[in-house]
Amino acid sequence: MEKTQEMLETGSYGSLISKLSIPTIITMLVMVIYNIADLFIFSYRLSDRQETRISLSSGSLNILKVISDYASGIPPFVVNLVLMVVSTFFIGMDYVNIVNFVRRILPDKWVIVTRKIKNYGTKMISVYVKSYAFLMLVAFLGAAIMKWVILK
């Protein structure tokens, strides 16, 4: 890793191009030659229907590549948001089945502990939400009173 960093910082452009881009170009050429050879070999052995299937599968791969290239331009926040909403929907639909499955695979002692953790967590979250709601109400009332006093 240090050698690569040093090479990038102090190396000449010619050596960087030869060391970094030529292997990639060779790999691409090998793939092109393989695809051409594959096409010629299969075209002699395959019927028209089989060639059509190969061309359709190749076309569908190209379509998937275009879709994935387009999807990579979407901000990760949007993708995460959509995945969160969809997964929440499906988990909500199967919540009872998921809970029953987890209860079946866990030992009885662990089921009791997880139930206690769930009850404690829900109580803690409800207290947290109530306290923040109270703080927001107090802040709103204070701001409203200050505005009423100043405008009067």
C-alpha atoms as a PDB file:
ATOM      1  CA  MET A   1       0.000   0.000   0.000  1.00  0.00           C
ATOM      2  CA  GLU A   2       2.811   2.414   0.870  1.00  0.00           C
ATOM      3  CA  LYS A   3       4.601   1.623  -2.390  1.00  0.00           C
ATOM      4  CA  THR A   4       1.479   2.464  -4.378  1.00  0.00           C
ATOM      5  CA  GLN A   5       1.032   5.743  -2.505  1.00  0.00           C
ATOM      6  CA  GLU A   6       4.683   6.648  -3.046  1.00  0.00           C
ATOM      7  CA  MET A   7       4.429   5.734  -6.731  1.00  0.00           C
ATOM      8  CA  LEU A   8       1.360   7.969  -7.136  1.00  0.00           C
ATOM      9  CA  GLU A   9       3.061  10.891  -5.413  1.00  0.00           C
ATOM     10  CA  THR A  10       6.520  10.755  -7.004  1.00  0.00           C
ATOM     11  CA  GLY A  11       6.151   8.671 -10.179  1.00  0.00           C
ATOM     12  CA  SER A  12       6.198  10.088 -13.703  1.00  0.00           C
ATOM     13  CA  TYR A  13       3.063  10.122 -15.815  1.00  0.00           C
ATOM     14  CA  GLY A  14       4.470   7.598 -18.280  1.00  0.00           C
ATOM     15  CA  SER A  15       5.284   5.023 -15.623  1.00  0.00           C
ATOM     16  CA  LEU A  16       1.904   5.548 -13.937  1.00  0.00           C
ATOM     17  CA  ILE A  17       0.062   5.060 -17.220  1.00  0.00           C
ATOM     18  CA  SER A  18       2.008   1.932 -18.063  1.00  0.00           C
ATOM     19  CA  LYS A  19       1.606   0.405 -14.614  1.00  0.00           C
ATOM     20  CA  LEU A  20      -2.034   1.300 -14.010  1.00  0.00           C
ATOM     21  CA  SER A  21      -3.832   1.478 -17.351  1.00  0.00           C
ATOM     22  CA  ILE A  22      -2.125  -1.135 -19.516  1.00  0.00           C
ATOM     23  CA  PRO A  23      -3.298  -4.110 -17.374  1.00  0.00           C
ATOM     24  CA  THR A  24      -6.860  -2.815 -17.615  1.00  0.00           C
ATOM     25  CA  ILE A  25      -6.600  -2.409 -21.386  1.00  0.00           C
ATOM     26  CA  ILE A  26      -5.192  -5.923 -21.754  1.00  0.00           C
ATOM     27  CA  THR A  27      -8.023  -7.321 -19.650  1.00  0.00           C
ATOM     28  CA  MET A  28     -10.597  -5.560 -21.828  1.00  0.00           C
ATOM     29  CA  LEU A  29      -8.953  -6.857 -25.009  1.00  0.00           C
ATOM     30  CA  VAL A  30      -8.952 -10.417 -23.672  1.00  0.00           C
ATOM     31  CA  MET A  31     -12.665 -10.096 -22.868  1.00  0.00           C
ATOM     32  CA  VAL A  32     -13.428  -8.786 -26.371  1.00  0.00           C
ATOM     33  CA  ILE A  33     -11.432 -11.597 -27.999  1.00  0.00           C
ATOM     34  CA  TYR A  34     -13.186 -14.154 -25.790  1.00  0.00           C
ATOM     35  CA  ASN A  35     -16.620 -12.770 -26.723  1.00  0.00           C
ATOM     36  CA  ILE A  36     -15.786 -12.793 -30.438  1.00  0.00           C
ATOM     37  CA  ALA A  37     -14.455 -16.357 -30.262  1.00  0.00           C
ATOM     38  CA  ASP A  38     -17.494 -17.397 -28.262  1.00  0.00           C
ATOM     39  CA  LEU A  39     -19.788 -15.900 -30.872  1.00  0.00           C
ATOM     40  CA  PHE A  40     -18.055 -17.700 -33.762  1.00  0.00           C
ATOM     41  CA  ILE A  41     -17.881 -21.043 -31.973  1.00  0.00           C
ATOM     42  CA  PHE A  42     -21.527 -20.995 -30.931  1.00  0.00           C
ATOM     43  CA  SER A  43     -22.765 -19.681 -34.269  1.00  0.00           C
ATOM     44  CA  TYR A  44     -21.524 -22.842 -36.010  1.00  0.00           C
ATOM     45  CA  ARG A  45     -23.025 -25.205 -33.452  1.00  0.00           C
ATOM     46  CA  LEU A  46     -26.271 -23.539 -32.488  1.00  0.00           C
ATOM     47  CA  SER A  47     -29.604 -23.347 -34.253  1.00  0.00           C
ATOM     48  CA  ASP A  48     -31.350 -20.064 -34.992  1.00  0.00           C
ATOM     49  CA  ARG A  49     -33.529 -20.338 -31.880  1.00  0.00           C
ATOM     50  CA  GLN A  50     -30.534 -20.835 -29.623  1.00  0.00           C
ATOM     51  CA  GLU A  51     -28.737 -17.874 -31.212  1.00  0.00           C
ATOM     52  CA  THR A  52     -31.843 -15.782 -30.617  1.00  0.00           C
ATOM     53  CA  ARG A  53     -31.862 -16.803 -26.953  1.00  0.00           C
ATOM     54  CA  ILE A  54     -28.204 -15.852 -26.577  1.00  0.00           C
ATOM     55  CA  SER A  55     -28.815 -12.470 -28.234  1.00  0.00           C
ATOM     56  CA  LEU A  56     -31.847 -11.829 -26.029  1.00  0.00           C
ATOM     57  CA  SER A  57     -29.939 -12.700 -22.880  1.00  0.00           C
ATOM     58  CA  SER A  58     -27.081 -10.467 -24.004  1.00  0.00           C
ATOM     59  CA  GLY A  59     -29.533  -7.645 -24.653  1.00  0.00           C
ATOM     60  CA  SER A  60     -31.187  -8.101 -21.280  1.00  0.00           C
ATOM     61  CA  LEU A  61     -27.770  -7.921 -19.616  1.00  0.00           C
ATOM     62  CA  ASN A  62     -27.155  -4.638 -21.418  1.00  0.00           C
ATOM     63  CA  ILE A  63     -30.499  -3.330 -20.193  1.00  0.00           C
ATOM     64  CA  LEU A  64     -29.630  -4.343 -16.628  1.00  0.00           C
ATOM     65  CA  LYS A  65     -26.277  -2.572 -16.985  1.00  0.00           C
ATOM     66  CA  VAL A  66     -28.011   0.632 -18.126  1.00  0.00           C
ATOM     67  CA  ILE A  67     -30.450   0.422 -15.202  1.00  0.00           C
ATOM     68  CA  SER A  68     -27.643  -0.162 -12.713  1.00  0.00           C
ATOM     69  CA  ASP A  69     -25.645   2.737 -14.176  1.00  0.00           C
ATOM     70  CA  TYR A  70     -28.694   4.969 -13.823  1.00  0.00           C
ATOM     71  CA  ALA A  71     -29.352   3.716 -10.289  1.00  0.00           C
ATOM     72  CA  SER A  72     -25.777   4.471  -9.271  1.00  0.00           C
ATOM     73  CA  GLY A  73     -26.487   8.139  -9.984  1.00  0.00           C
ATOM     74  CA  ILE A  74     -29.302   8.218  -7.423  1.00  0.00           C
ATOM     75  CA  PRO A  75     -28.154   9.558  -4.068  1.00  0.00           C
ATOM     76  CA  PRO A  76     -27.633   6.828  -1.461  1.00  0.00           C
ATOM     77  CA  PHE A  77     -30.051   8.611   0.896  1.00  0.00           C
ATOM     78  CA  VAL A  78     -32.946   8.092  -1.531  1.00  0.00           C
ATOM     79  CA  VAL A  79     -32.063   4.428  -2.052  1.00  0.00           C
ATOM     80  CA  ASN A  80     -31.815   3.851   1.711  1.00  0.00           C
ATOM     81  CA  LEU A  81     -35.122   5.639   2.271  1.00  0.00           C
ATOM     82  CA  VAL A  82     -36.935   3.521  -0.332  1.00  0.00           C
ATOM     83  CA  LEU A  83     -35.409   0.305   1.025  1.00  0.00           C
ATOM     84  CA  MET A  84     -36.373   1.291   4.567  1.00  0.00           C
ATOM     85  CA  VAL A  85     -39.990   1.972   3.615  1.00  0.00           C
ATOM     86  CA  VAL A  86     -40.326  -1.233   1.587  1.00  0.00           C
ATOM     87  CA  SER A  87     -38.665  -3.404   4.236  1.00  0.00           C
ATOM     88  CA  THR A  88     -40.789  -1.808   6.978  1.00  0.00           C
ATOM     89  CA  PHE A  89     -43.914  -2.605   4.970  1.00  0.00           C
ATOM     90  CA  PHE A  90     -42.966  -6.256   4.476  1.00  0.00           C
ATOM     91  CA  ILE A  91     -41.740  -6.733   8.047  1.00  0.00           C
ATOM     92  CA  GLY A  92     -44.976  -5.163   9.286  1.00  0.00           C
ATOM     93  CA  MET A  93     -47.018  -7.592   7.181  1.00  0.00           C
ATOM     94  CA  ASP A  94     -45.116 -10.614   8.529  1.00  0.00           C
ATOM     95  CA  TYR A  95     -44.484  -9.342  12.068  1.00  0.00           C
ATOM     96  CA  VAL A  96     -46.451 -12.121  13.771  1.00  0.00           C
ATOM     97  CA  ASN A  97     -44.730 -14.811  11.685  1.00  0.00           C
ATOM     98  CA  ILE A  98     -41.285 -13.333  12.404  1.00  0.00           C
ATOM     99  CA  VAL A  99     -41.956 -13.156  16.155  1.00  0.00           C
ATOM    100  CA  ASN A 100     -43.271 -16.734  16.227  1.00  0.00           C
ATOM    101  CA  PHE A 101     -40.245 -17.960  14.267  1.00  0.00           C
ATOM    102  CA  VAL A 102     -37.831 -16.242  16.659  1.00  0.00           C
ATOM    103  CA  ARG A 103     -39.714 -17.675  19.661  1.00  0.00           C
ATOM    104  CA  ARG A 104     -39.446 -21.184  18.204  1.00  0.00           C
ATOM    105  CA  ILE A 105     -35.683 -21.020  17.604  1.00  0.00           C
ATOM    106  CA  LEU A 106     -34.688 -19.313  20.874  1.00  0.00           C
ATOM    107  CA  PRO A 107     -34.468 -21.177  24.196  1.00  0.00           C
ATOM    108  CA  ASP A 108     -37.247 -20.395  26.687  1.00  0.00           C
ATOM    109  CA  LYS A 109     -34.884 -18.448  28.954  1.00  0.00           C
ATOM    110  CA  TRP A 110     -33.882 -16.158  26.085  1.00  0.00           C
ATOM    111  CA  VAL A 111     -37.518 -15.618  25.094  1.00  0.00           C
ATOM    112  CA  ILE A 112     -38.259 -14.360  28.618  1.00  0.00           C
ATOM    113  CA  VAL A 113     -35.207 -12.061  28.560  1.00  0.00           C
ATOM    114  CA  THR A 114     -36.096 -10.645  25.114  1.00  0.00           C
ATOM    115  CA  ARG A 115     -39.670 -10.032  26.260  1.00  0.00           C
ATOM    116  CA  LYS A 116     -38.350  -8.092  29.291  1.00  0.00           C
ATOM    117  CA  ILE A 117     -36.001  -6.102  27.035  1.00  0.00           C
ATOM    118  CA  LYS A 118     -38.886  -5.292  24.672  1.00  0.00           C
ATOM    119  CA  ASN A 119     -41.150  -4.145  27.530  1.00  0.00           C
ATOM    120  CA  TYR A 120     -38.393  -2.044  29.084  1.00  0.00           C
ATOM    121  CA  GLY A 121     -37.495  -0.539  25.690  1.00  0.00           C
ATOM    122  CA  THR A 122     -41.061   0.439  24.847  1.00  0.00           C
ATOM    123  CA  LYS A 123     -41.526   2.032  28.283  1.00  0.00           C
ATOM    124  CA  MET A 124     -38.252   3.919  27.915  1.00  0.00           C
ATOM    125  CA  ILE A 125     -39.155   5.187  24.436  1.00  0.00           C
ATOM    126  CA  SER A 126     -42.612   6.315  25.599  1.00  0.00           C
ATOM    127  CA  VAL A 127     -41.084   8.243  28.526  1.00  0.00           C
ATOM    128  CA  TYR A 128     -38.530   9.769  26.130  1.00  0.00           C
ATOM    129  CA  VAL A 129     -41.233  10.890  23.676  1.00  0.00           C
ATOM    130  CA  LYS A 130     -43.417  12.297  26.475  1.00  0.00           C
ATOM    131  CA  SER A 131     -40.537  14.260  27.993  1.00  0.00           C
ATOM    132  CA  TYR A 132     -39.520  15.770  24.643  1.00  0.00           C
ATOM    133  CA  ALA A 133     -43.143  16.629  23.889  1.00  0.00           C
ATOM    134  CA  PHE A 134     -43.356  18.392  27.260  1.00  0.00           C
ATOM    135  CA  LEU A 135     -40.107  20.290  26.596  1.00  0.00           C
ATOM    136  CA  MET A 136     -41.346  21.381  23.166  1.00  0.00           C
ATOM    137  CA  LEU A 137     -44.662  22.507  24.677  1.00  0.00           C
ATOM    138  CA  VAL A 138     -42.865  24.565  27.337  1.00  0.00           C
ATOM    139  CA  ALA A 139     -40.578  26.133  24.714  1.00  0.00           C
ATOM    140  CA  PHE A 140     -43.540  26.923  22.449  1.00  0.00           C
ATOM    141  CA  LEU A 141     -45.517  28.467  25.299  1.00  0.00           C
ATOM    142  CA  GLY A 142     -42.496  30.520  26.364  1.00  0.00           C
ATOM    143  CA  ALA A 143     -41.994  31.806  22.817  1.00  0.00           C
ATOM    144  CA  ALA A 144     -45.708  32.562  22.446  1.00  0.00           C
ATOM    145  CA  ILE A 145     -45.800  34.489  25.738  1.00  0.00           C
ATOM    146  CA  MET A 146     -42.670  36.460  24.798  1.00  0.00           C
ATOM    147  CA  LYS A 147     -44.160  37.335  21.417  1.00  0.00           C
ATOM    148  CA  TRP A 148     -47.459  38.374  23.023  1.00  0.00           C
ATOM    149  CA  VAL A 149     -45.638  40.557  25.593  1.00  0.00           C
ATOM    150  CA  ILE A 150     -43.416  42.211  22.961  1.00  0.00           C
ATOM    151  CA  LEU A 151     -46.239  42.906  20.501  1.00  0.00           C
ATOM    152  CA  LYS A 152     -48.607  44.262  23.169  1.00  0.00           C
END
